Amino acid sequence: MSFKIHEPYFVDDLVVYFINEKEALVTDYDCRWELRASEDRCECCTFRFRSRVKPGFVCRHIDAVRRMKQQS
């Protein structure tokens, strides 16, 4: 694992802060929103609504978590 738990990482305009090995808090760089996200789930409205219509939809928060995990 190349990322550390409880350390912030920039992924484009998001900050990814892992709270455990599977889940992270993902925040916009200006701290407007803090959402829980994993590789297959997110609290954001975009994911909740779009994933119902399009199974397998990946929001930018999930994408950021996946990109961090791929680096490990």
N, C-alpha and C. Protein backbone atom coordinates (compact mmCIF):
# COMPACT_ATOMS: atom_id res chain seq x y z
N MET A 1 0.85 -1.17 0.00
CA MET A 1 0.00 0.00 0.00
C MET A 1 0.90 1.23 0.00
N SER A 2 0.81 2.07 -1.03
CA SER A 2 1.66 3.25 -1.11
C SER A 2 1.00 4.47 -0.47
N PHE A 3 -0.28 4.40 -0.16
CA PHE A 3 -0.92 5.51 0.54
C PHE A 3 -1.00 5.17 2.02
N LYS A 4 -1.06 6.21 2.85
CA LYS A 4 -1.14 6.01 4.29
C LYS A 4 -2.53 6.40 4.79
N ILE A 5 -3.00 5.66 5.77
CA ILE A 5 -4.26 5.97 6.41
C ILE A 5 -4.07 7.29 7.18
N HIS A 6 -5.07 8.15 7.17
CA HIS A 6 -5.07 9.44 7.87
C HIS A 6 -4.05 10.43 7.33
N GLU A 7 -3.77 10.36 6.03
CA GLU A 7 -2.90 11.34 5.35
C GLU A 7 -3.67 11.86 4.14
N PRO A 8 -3.68 13.16 3.93
CA PRO A 8 -4.39 13.71 2.76
C PRO A 8 -3.56 13.60 1.48
N TYR A 9 -4.24 13.31 0.38
CA TYR A 9 -3.59 13.23 -0.94
C TYR A 9 -4.42 14.02 -1.94
N PHE A 10 -3.76 14.81 -2.77
CA PHE A 10 -4.45 15.52 -3.85
C PHE A 10 -4.60 14.61 -5.05
N VAL A 11 -5.81 14.55 -5.59
CA VAL A 11 -6.10 13.86 -6.84
C VAL A 11 -6.89 14.86 -7.67
N ASP A 12 -6.22 15.49 -8.62
CA ASP A 12 -6.81 16.58 -9.40
C ASP A 12 -7.29 17.67 -8.44
N ASP A 13 -8.59 18.00 -8.45
CA ASP A 13 -9.08 19.06 -7.57
C ASP A 13 -9.76 18.51 -6.31
N LEU A 14 -9.45 17.26 -5.98
CA LEU A 14 -10.01 16.62 -4.79
C LEU A 14 -8.92 16.26 -3.80
N VAL A 15 -9.30 16.18 -2.53
CA VAL A 15 -8.40 15.69 -1.49
C VAL A 15 -8.97 14.36 -1.02
N VAL A 16 -8.16 13.32 -1.06
CA VAL A 16 -8.57 11.97 -0.64
C VAL A 16 -7.87 11.67 0.68
N TYR A 17 -8.66 11.34 1.69
CA TYR A 17 -8.15 11.09 3.04
C TYR A 17 -8.70 9.74 3.49
N PHE A 18 -7.87 8.71 3.43
CA PHE A 18 -8.33 7.36 3.78
C PHE A 18 -8.54 7.24 5.28
N ILE A 19 -9.72 6.74 5.66
CA ILE A 19 -10.02 6.51 7.07
C ILE A 19 -9.79 5.05 7.44
N ASN A 20 -9.71 4.20 6.44
CA ASN A 20 -9.30 2.80 6.59
C ASN A 20 -8.84 2.33 5.21
N GLU A 21 -8.52 1.07 5.06
CA GLU A 21 -7.99 0.59 3.79
C GLU A 21 -9.01 0.59 2.66
N LYS A 22 -10.29 0.59 2.99
CA LYS A 22 -11.32 0.49 1.96
C LYS A 22 -12.10 1.78 1.73
N GLU A 23 -12.10 2.69 2.68
CA GLU A 23 -12.96 3.86 2.59
C GLU A 23 -12.18 5.15 2.84
N ALA A 24 -12.61 6.21 2.13
CA ALA A 24 -11.94 7.50 2.26
C ALA A 24 -12.96 8.62 2.37
N LEU A 25 -12.52 9.72 2.96
CA LEU A 25 -13.27 10.96 2.90
C LEU A 25 -12.72 11.71 1.71
N VAL A 26 -13.58 12.15 0.83
CA VAL A 26 -13.15 12.86 -0.37
C VAL A 26 -13.74 14.27 -0.30
N THR A 27 -12.88 15.26 -0.42
CA THR A 27 -13.26 16.65 -0.25
C THR A 27 -12.80 17.46 -1.44
N ASP A 28 -13.62 18.42 -1.88
CA ASP A 28 -13.15 19.37 -2.88
C ASP A 28 -12.00 20.16 -2.27
N TYR A 29 -11.08 20.63 -3.10
CA TYR A 29 -9.89 21.31 -2.60
C TYR A 29 -10.23 22.52 -1.72
N ASP A 30 -11.38 23.13 -1.92
CA ASP A 30 -11.75 24.29 -1.11
C ASP A 30 -12.65 23.91 0.07
N CYS A 31 -12.74 22.62 0.36
CA CYS A 31 -13.45 22.08 1.54
C CYS A 31 -14.95 22.34 1.54
N ARG A 32 -15.56 22.45 0.36
CA ARG A 32 -17.00 22.67 0.31
C ARG A 32 -17.78 21.43 0.73
N TRP A 33 -17.36 20.27 0.29
CA TRP A 33 -18.10 19.03 0.56
C TRP A 33 -17.15 17.95 1.04
N GLU A 34 -17.58 17.19 2.02
CA GLU A 34 -16.82 16.03 2.46
C GLU A 34 -17.74 14.83 2.35
N LEU A 35 -17.33 13.86 1.55
CA LEU A 35 -18.15 12.69 1.28
C LEU A 35 -17.38 11.42 1.56
N ARG A 36 -18.08 10.40 2.01
CA ARG A 36 -17.46 9.09 2.15
C ARG A 36 -17.55 8.38 0.81
N ALA A 37 -16.44 7.79 0.42
CA ALA A 37 -16.42 7.07 -0.86
C ALA A 37 -15.52 5.86 -0.73
N SER A 38 -15.84 4.85 -1.51
CA SER A 38 -14.99 3.66 -1.62
C SER A 38 -14.84 3.38 -3.11
N GLU A 39 -14.30 2.24 -3.46
CA GLU A 39 -14.11 1.92 -4.87
C GLU A 39 -15.42 1.65 -5.61
N ASP A 40 -16.51 1.41 -4.87
CA ASP A 40 -17.77 1.10 -5.54
C ASP A 40 -18.99 1.83 -4.98
N ARG A 41 -18.75 2.80 -4.08
CA ARG A 41 -19.87 3.50 -3.46
C ARG A 41 -19.49 4.92 -3.10
N CYS A 42 -20.47 5.83 -3.14
CA CYS A 42 -20.23 7.22 -2.76
C CYS A 42 -21.52 7.83 -2.23
N GLU A 43 -21.39 8.80 -1.34
CA GLU A 43 -22.56 9.48 -0.78
C GLU A 43 -23.08 10.61 -1.68
N CYS A 44 -22.34 10.97 -2.71
CA CYS A 44 -22.73 12.13 -3.51
C CYS A 44 -24.04 11.88 -4.26
N CYS A 45 -24.76 12.96 -4.50
CA CYS A 45 -26.04 12.88 -5.23
C CYS A 45 -25.86 12.34 -6.64
N THR A 46 -24.79 12.75 -7.29
CA THR A 46 -24.54 12.31 -8.65
C THR A 46 -24.49 10.79 -8.72
N PHE A 47 -23.73 10.17 -7.82
CA PHE A 47 -23.62 8.71 -7.83
C PHE A 47 -24.96 8.06 -7.47
N ARG A 48 -25.61 8.56 -6.44
CA ARG A 48 -26.86 7.93 -5.99
C ARG A 48 -27.91 7.91 -7.09
N PHE A 49 -28.02 9.00 -7.85
CA PHE A 49 -29.05 9.06 -8.88
C PHE A 49 -28.62 8.44 -10.20
N ARG A 50 -27.39 8.71 -10.64
CA ARG A 50 -26.94 8.20 -11.95
C ARG A 50 -26.72 6.69 -11.92
N SER A 51 -26.30 6.14 -10.77
CA SER A 51 -26.04 4.70 -10.72
C SER A 51 -27.34 3.89 -10.82
N ARG A 52 -28.46 4.50 -10.52
CA ARG A 52 -29.74 3.81 -10.68
C ARG A 52 -30.09 3.65 -12.15
N VAL A 53 -29.75 4.64 -12.95
CA VAL A 53 -30.07 4.63 -14.37
C VAL A 53 -29.00 3.90 -15.17
N LYS A 54 -27.76 4.06 -14.72
CA LYS A 54 -26.63 3.48 -15.45
C LYS A 54 -25.79 2.64 -14.48
N PRO A 55 -26.08 1.35 -14.36
CA PRO A 55 -25.29 0.50 -13.47
C PRO A 55 -23.80 0.57 -13.84
N GLY A 56 -22.96 0.63 -12.83
CA GLY A 56 -21.53 0.71 -13.07
C GLY A 56 -21.03 2.14 -13.19
N PHE A 57 -21.93 3.13 -13.05
CA PHE A 57 -21.53 4.54 -13.12
C PHE A 57 -20.50 4.84 -12.04
N VAL A 58 -19.48 5.61 -12.41
CA VAL A 58 -18.42 5.98 -11.47
C VAL A 58 -18.35 7.51 -11.40
N CYS A 59 -18.59 8.07 -10.22
CA CYS A 59 -18.47 9.51 -10.04
C CYS A 59 -17.00 9.87 -9.84
N ARG A 60 -16.70 11.15 -9.82
CA ARG A 60 -15.31 11.59 -9.70
C ARG A 60 -14.70 11.25 -8.34
N HIS A 61 -15.54 11.08 -7.32
CA HIS A 61 -15.04 10.73 -5.99
C HIS A 61 -14.56 9.27 -5.97
N ILE A 62 -15.37 8.39 -6.54
CA ILE A 62 -14.99 6.99 -6.65
C ILE A 62 -13.75 6.87 -7.52
N ASP A 63 -13.71 7.61 -8.61
CA ASP A 63 -12.56 7.59 -9.50
C ASP A 63 -11.28 7.99 -8.75
N ALA A 64 -11.37 9.01 -7.90
CA ALA A 64 -10.20 9.46 -7.13
C ALA A 64 -9.72 8.37 -6.17
N VAL A 65 -10.66 7.70 -5.50
CA VAL A 65 -10.29 6.61 -4.59
C VAL A 65 -9.63 5.48 -5.39
N ARG A 66 -10.23 5.11 -6.51
CA ARG A 66 -9.65 4.04 -7.34
C ARG A 66 -8.25 4.40 -7.82
N ARG A 67 -8.06 5.63 -8.25
CA ARG A 67 -6.74 6.04 -8.72
C ARG A 67 -5.70 5.96 -7.62
N MET A 68 -6.04 6.34 -6.41
CA MET A 68 -5.10 6.23 -5.28
C MET A 68 -4.78 4.77 -4.98
N LYS A 69 -5.78 3.93 -5.03
CA LYS A 69 -5.58 2.51 -4.73
C LYS A 69 -4.77 1.81 -5.83
N GLN A 70 -4.90 2.27 -7.08
CA GLN A 70 -4.13 1.68 -8.17
C GLN A 70 -2.66 2.00 -8.02
N GLN A 71 -2.33 3.11 -7.41
CA GLN A 71 -0.93 3.49 -7.21
C GLN A 71 -0.23 2.62 -6.19
N SER A 72 -1.03 1.94 -5.36
CA SER A 72 -0.40 1.12 -4.31
C SER A 72 0.09 -0.22 -4.83
